[in-house]
Amino acid sequence: MYLGIIVALLSAASWAFATVVFDRIGKVVPYVGITFLKGIFSIILMIALLIFTGGLHDIGIWEFSFLALSGIIGISVGDSLFFKSLQDLGAKVQVIFFLLGQIFTMIFSLLLLDELLSLEQYIGAIILLTGIVVVIWGKQENHPNKIRGIICGLLSILCFSVSAIMVKKAIADVEVVTATFYRMAFGTVFTLGFGVMGKQLPSWIKPLRDKRLLALFILNVFVITYGGFLLSTIAIKLISVSLVSVLGTTEPVFVLLFAYLINKEKITKQEVIGTMITLTGLFIIINGE
């Protein structure tokens, strides 16, 4: 259980790092192109991991179907909408939608998986969410495509929530690395088909001729593949989807930290207070488990 909590927090930190870095990359690479290129590099990394872990394991047709649909909905569609929203709104505003997505996932897991947290954990979740609101309150900036960004953000979190439920349905008897590979593969192939039909592949690849941008992209994909996708899948296997979702709401705090370390953005007193409230809620949740 404690391992599942640690893994979920590390996954949230990985996604936070990726959000800050992709906010910079998204200024020169088309949003669907980011999804496709991320998928290609992720598959290469997963193949390397599969070589060391004994290759793909056999899975049933239903598990295969759930993982395939999860990859298409969560990675191909969800990630593309996420990156478009990120381009329109910026990293610090976009995390508000990620926070809302965790709440959606909690609701879906309660309705579809009958996963119920303890009273103490729900109290901790409310305190944690309050801390997150304090951290991001007032961070909204003026963006020319704000409405489009909001719509894409809402649709992306819906895709992520549905995808998480599908993974939980499929992963009980499936090895984690195998499940993660199939999700990535189907999500990437679906995106490739979109790029081929729209003749957009050259415009996706061209920006990566910049070696510095390519190196940054590869580093970020490494963090997402092993830190984001793989760790989140492990967390879902070890603990409930509801608890993973609650712990995932700590991402804005990690975004705050990485924005300071990478972009040299100042940390305000309000953000420090919000972080302390968030950590209090997190402690109550862990204690309740």
Foldseek 3Di string as FASTA:
>chain_A
DVLLLVLLLLQLLLVLLLLQLLLVVLVQFQLLLLLQVLLVLLLVVLVVVQVVVPHADDFDPLLLVLLLLLLQLQRQLLSSLLSVLCNQWNRLVLLVLLLVLLVVLLVCCCVPVVDDADPLLVVLLVLLVQLLCLQSPPVGDDGPPNVSSVVSSNSSSVSNSSSLVSLLVNPQPGDLSNSLSSSSVSSNVVSVVVCVVVVNVCSSCVVPVPVVSVVSSSVSSVSCSVRHRSSLSVSVNVDPSSSSSSSSSCSSLSNLVSCCVPVVDDRDPSNVSSNVSNVSSVVSNVVSD
